[in-house]
């Protein structure tokens, strides 16, 4: 499902316009992004948890040149689905 399809589905289920549904989705995504940027976790009951994990630095090999290179440490977003979401998909 793309963002455009999600906007249409939300507008249809709530009886609102596509423009207001898109603003709601954009506000939700911005709030999640800002919270993760500050290092906080976002828990949505019945859906799952978004959190930030730290990835350690590591060495790897460039397959094209064969040279080894260092990949610096990074903060990456992670999602852990809730038990009810897992059972709904199974």
N, C-alpha and C. Protein backbone atom coordinates (compact mmCIF):
# COMPACT_ATOMS: atom_id res chain seq x y z
N UNK A 1 0.85 -1.17 0.00
CA UNK A 1 0.00 0.00 0.00
C UNK A 1 0.89 1.24 0.00
N UNK A 2 0.61 2.14 -0.90
CA UNK A 2 1.37 3.39 -0.97
C UNK A 2 0.71 4.44 -0.08
N UNK A 3 1.40 5.56 0.08
CA UNK A 3 0.84 6.64 0.89
C UNK A 3 -0.45 7.16 0.26
N UNK A 4 -0.49 7.26 -1.06
CA UNK A 4 -1.68 7.75 -1.75
C UNK A 4 -2.87 6.80 -1.51
N UNK A 5 -2.61 5.50 -1.54
CA UNK A 5 -3.68 4.53 -1.29
C UNK A 5 -4.15 4.61 0.17
N UNK A 6 -3.22 4.85 1.08
CA UNK A 6 -3.57 5.01 2.49
C UNK A 6 -4.42 6.25 2.70
N UNK A 7 -4.09 7.33 2.01
CA UNK A 7 -4.89 8.56 2.10
C UNK A 7 -6.31 8.30 1.64
N UNK A 8 -6.48 7.62 0.52
CA UNK A 8 -7.81 7.32 -0.01
C UNK A 8 -8.58 6.44 0.98
N UNK A 9 -7.92 5.41 1.54
CA UNK A 9 -8.59 4.51 2.48
C UNK A 9 -9.02 5.25 3.74
N UNK A 10 -8.16 6.13 4.26
CA UNK A 10 -8.51 6.90 5.46
C UNK A 10 -9.65 7.86 5.19
N UNK A 11 -9.61 8.54 4.04
CA UNK A 11 -10.67 9.49 3.70
C UNK A 11 -12.01 8.76 3.56
N UNK A 12 -11.98 7.59 2.96
CA UNK A 12 -13.22 6.83 2.77
C UNK A 12 -13.77 6.33 4.11
N UNK A 13 -12.90 5.82 5.00
CA UNK A 13 -13.39 5.25 6.26
C UNK A 13 -13.83 6.31 7.26
N UNK A 14 -13.26 7.52 7.18
CA UNK A 14 -13.65 8.57 8.11
C UNK A 14 -14.68 9.53 7.54
N UNK A 15 -14.93 9.45 6.24
CA UNK A 15 -15.88 10.36 5.61
C UNK A 15 -15.36 11.77 5.43
N UNK A 16 -14.04 11.93 5.48
CA UNK A 16 -13.44 13.25 5.29
C UNK A 16 -12.86 13.36 3.89
N UNK A 17 -12.26 14.50 3.61
CA UNK A 17 -11.66 14.71 2.30
C UNK A 17 -10.27 14.09 2.25
N UNK A 18 -9.79 13.90 1.03
CA UNK A 18 -8.43 13.36 0.86
C UNK A 18 -7.40 14.34 1.41
N UNK A 19 -7.64 15.62 1.26
CA UNK A 19 -6.70 16.63 1.74
C UNK A 19 -6.55 16.57 3.26
N UNK A 20 -7.66 16.44 3.97
CA UNK A 20 -7.57 16.38 5.43
C UNK A 20 -6.97 15.05 5.89
N UNK A 21 -7.24 13.97 5.18
CA UNK A 21 -6.63 12.68 5.52
C UNK A 21 -5.12 12.73 5.29
N UNK A 22 -4.69 13.39 4.22
CA UNK A 22 -3.26 13.51 3.96
C UNK A 22 -2.57 14.36 5.02
N UNK A 23 -3.22 15.45 5.44
CA UNK A 23 -2.65 16.28 6.51
C UNK A 23 -2.52 15.48 7.81
N UNK A 24 -3.51 14.64 8.10
CA UNK A 24 -3.45 13.81 9.31
C UNK A 24 -2.31 12.81 9.23
N UNK A 25 -2.14 12.17 8.09
CA UNK A 25 -1.04 11.21 7.93
C UNK A 25 0.30 11.91 8.03
N UNK A 26 0.42 13.07 7.38
CA UNK A 26 1.68 13.83 7.44
C UNK A 26 2.00 14.26 8.87
N UNK A 27 0.99 14.66 9.63
CA UNK A 27 1.20 15.07 11.02
C UNK A 27 1.63 13.87 11.86
N UNK A 28 1.02 12.72 11.64
CA UNK A 28 1.40 11.50 12.36
C UNK A 28 2.86 11.13 12.07
N UNK A 29 3.21 11.11 10.79
CA UNK A 29 4.58 10.74 10.41
C UNK A 29 5.60 11.73 10.96
N UNK A 30 5.27 13.02 10.96
CA UNK A 30 6.18 14.03 11.50
C UNK A 30 6.36 13.85 13.00
N UNK A 31 5.29 13.54 13.70
CA UNK A 31 5.39 13.34 15.15
C UNK A 31 6.25 12.12 15.48
N UNK A 32 6.07 11.03 14.73
CA UNK A 32 6.89 9.83 14.95
C UNK A 32 8.36 10.13 14.62
N UNK A 33 8.60 10.80 13.51
CA UNK A 33 9.96 11.13 13.10
C UNK A 33 10.65 12.02 14.13
N UNK A 34 9.94 13.04 14.63
CA UNK A 34 10.55 13.95 15.61
C UNK A 34 10.83 13.25 16.93
N UNK A 35 9.93 12.38 17.33
CA UNK A 35 10.14 11.64 18.57
C UNK A 35 11.34 10.70 18.46
N UNK A 36 11.46 10.00 17.34
CA UNK A 36 12.60 9.12 17.14
C UNK A 36 13.91 9.90 17.04
N UNK A 37 13.85 11.06 16.42
CA UNK A 37 15.04 11.89 16.29
C UNK A 37 15.57 12.30 17.67
N UNK A 38 14.65 12.52 18.62
CA UNK A 38 15.06 12.87 19.98
C UNK A 38 15.46 11.66 20.80
N UNK A 39 15.32 10.45 20.23
CA UNK A 39 15.72 9.24 20.92
C UNK A 39 14.63 8.59 21.73
N UNK A 40 13.39 9.07 21.60
CA UNK A 40 12.27 8.47 22.33
C UNK A 40 11.64 7.36 21.52
N UNK A 41 11.01 6.42 22.20
CA UNK A 41 10.31 5.35 21.50
C UNK A 41 8.84 5.75 21.35
N UNK A 42 8.21 5.25 20.31
CA UNK A 42 6.81 5.52 20.04
C UNK A 42 6.07 4.18 20.08
N UNK A 43 5.13 4.06 21.02
CA UNK A 43 4.36 2.83 21.16
C UNK A 43 2.92 3.09 20.79
N UNK A 44 2.40 2.32 19.85
CA UNK A 44 1.01 2.41 19.44
C UNK A 44 0.37 1.09 19.84
N UNK A 45 -0.50 1.16 20.84
CA UNK A 45 -1.12 -0.03 21.39
C UNK A 45 -1.86 -0.80 20.31
N UNK A 46 -1.60 -2.09 20.24
CA UNK A 46 -2.24 -2.94 19.25
C UNK A 46 -1.58 -2.92 17.90
N UNK A 47 -0.54 -2.10 17.71
CA UNK A 47 0.16 -2.03 16.44
C UNK A 47 1.62 -2.39 16.58
N UNK A 48 2.35 -1.65 17.43
CA UNK A 48 3.76 -1.95 17.62
C UNK A 48 4.52 -0.79 18.20
N UNK A 49 5.84 -0.94 18.24
CA UNK A 49 6.72 0.06 18.82
C UNK A 49 7.80 0.45 17.83
N UNK A 50 7.99 1.75 17.65
CA UNK A 50 9.09 2.29 16.87
C UNK A 50 10.15 2.74 17.87
N UNK A 51 11.42 2.40 17.60
CA UNK A 51 12.48 2.85 18.49
C UNK A 51 13.76 3.03 17.68
N UNK A 52 14.74 3.68 18.31
CA UNK A 52 16.02 3.92 17.68
C UNK A 52 17.04 2.95 18.25
N UNK A 53 17.78 2.28 17.37
CA UNK A 53 18.83 1.36 17.78
C UNK A 53 20.17 1.90 17.30
N UNK A 54 21.21 1.53 18.00
CA UNK A 54 22.56 1.93 17.59
C UNK A 54 23.22 0.77 16.86
N UNK A 55 23.75 1.06 15.70
CA UNK A 55 24.49 0.06 14.93
C UNK A 55 25.98 0.37 15.11
N UNK A 56 26.75 -0.61 15.53
CA UNK A 56 28.17 -0.40 15.78
C UNK A 56 28.94 -0.27 14.47
N UNK A 57 30.12 0.35 14.57
CA UNK A 57 31.00 0.46 13.41
C UNK A 57 31.47 -0.94 13.02
N UNK A 58 31.72 -1.14 11.75
CA UNK A 58 32.18 -2.44 11.30
C UNK A 58 33.04 -2.30 10.05
N UNK A 59 33.80 -3.33 9.80
CA UNK A 59 34.64 -3.36 8.60
C UNK A 59 33.94 -4.21 7.55
N UNK A 60 34.05 -3.81 6.31
CA UNK A 60 33.46 -4.56 5.21
C UNK A 60 34.38 -4.47 4.01
N UNK A 61 34.09 -5.22 2.98
CA UNK A 61 34.91 -5.23 1.78
C UNK A 61 34.07 -4.73 0.62
N UNK A 62 34.63 -3.79 -0.13
CA UNK A 62 33.98 -3.29 -1.33
C UNK A 62 34.07 -4.39 -2.39
N UNK A 63 32.93 -4.93 -2.85
CA UNK A 63 32.99 -6.04 -3.79
C UNK A 63 33.58 -5.65 -5.15
N UNK A 64 33.49 -4.40 -5.50
CA UNK A 64 34.00 -3.96 -6.80
C UNK A 64 35.52 -3.87 -6.82
N UNK A 65 36.09 -3.29 -5.74
CA UNK A 65 37.53 -3.07 -5.71
C UNK A 65 38.28 -4.08 -4.85
N UNK A 66 37.59 -4.71 -3.91
CA UNK A 66 38.25 -5.63 -3.01
C UNK A 66 38.90 -4.95 -1.82
N UNK A 67 38.83 -3.62 -1.76
CA UNK A 67 39.42 -2.88 -0.65
C UNK A 67 38.52 -2.99 0.57
N UNK A 68 39.15 -3.06 1.75
CA UNK A 68 38.34 -3.06 2.97
C UNK A 68 38.04 -1.62 3.36
N UNK A 69 36.87 -1.41 3.92
CA UNK A 69 36.49 -0.07 4.31
C UNK A 69 35.72 -0.13 5.62
N UNK A 70 35.75 0.96 6.36
CA UNK A 70 35.10 1.03 7.65
C UNK A 70 33.76 1.72 7.50
N UNK A 71 32.70 1.10 8.00
CA UNK A 71 31.39 1.72 8.02
C UNK A 71 31.21 2.30 9.41
N UNK A 72 30.95 3.61 9.50
CA UNK A 72 30.87 4.26 10.82
C UNK A 72 29.62 3.83 11.60
N UNK A 73 29.62 4.05 12.91
CA UNK A 73 28.43 3.72 13.69
C UNK A 73 27.25 4.60 13.25
N UNK A 74 26.04 4.09 13.47
CA UNK A 74 24.85 4.83 13.03
C UNK A 74 23.68 4.55 13.96
N UNK A 75 22.76 5.49 13.98
CA UNK A 75 21.48 5.29 14.66
C UNK A 75 20.47 4.95 13.58
N UNK A 76 19.71 3.86 13.79
CA UNK A 76 18.76 3.40 12.79
C UNK A 76 17.40 3.15 13.43
N UNK A 77 16.31 3.40 12.71
CA UNK A 77 14.98 3.13 13.26
C UNK A 77 14.67 1.64 13.20
N UNK A 78 13.95 1.17 14.21
CA UNK A 78 13.52 -0.23 14.27
C UNK A 78 12.03 -0.25 14.59
N UNK A 79 11.36 -1.29 14.12
CA UNK A 79 9.95 -1.47 14.42
C UNK A 79 9.75 -2.86 14.97
N UNK A 80 9.05 -2.96 16.10
CA UNK A 80 8.71 -4.25 16.70
C UNK A 80 7.19 -4.36 16.73
N UNK A 81 6.62 -5.28 15.95
CA UNK A 81 5.17 -5.41 15.92
C UNK A 81 4.62 -5.94 17.24
N UNK A 82 3.39 -5.54 17.56
CA UNK A 82 2.75 -6.03 18.78
C UNK A 82 2.27 -7.46 18.58
N UNK A 83 1.95 -8.09 19.67
CA UNK A 83 1.48 -9.48 19.62
C UNK A 83 0.17 -9.57 18.84
N UNK A 84 -0.72 -8.58 19.01
CA UNK A 84 -2.01 -8.62 18.31
C UNK A 84 -1.83 -8.41 16.80
N UNK A 85 -0.85 -7.59 16.39
CA UNK A 85 -0.59 -7.41 14.96
C UNK A 85 -0.02 -8.69 14.36
N UNK A 86 0.88 -9.32 15.08
CA UNK A 86 1.45 -10.59 14.59
C UNK A 86 0.37 -11.64 14.41
N UNK A 87 -0.53 -11.75 15.39
CA UNK A 87 -1.58 -12.77 15.30
C UNK A 87 -2.60 -12.44 14.22
N UNK A 88 -2.82 -11.16 13.94
CA UNK A 88 -3.76 -10.78 12.88
C UNK A 88 -3.22 -11.13 11.50
N UNK A 89 -1.91 -11.10 11.36
CA UNK A 89 -1.29 -11.40 10.06
C UNK A 89 -1.22 -12.90 9.83
N UNK A 90 -1.02 -13.66 10.87
CA UNK A 90 -0.92 -15.12 10.74
C UNK A 90 -2.24 -15.64 10.36
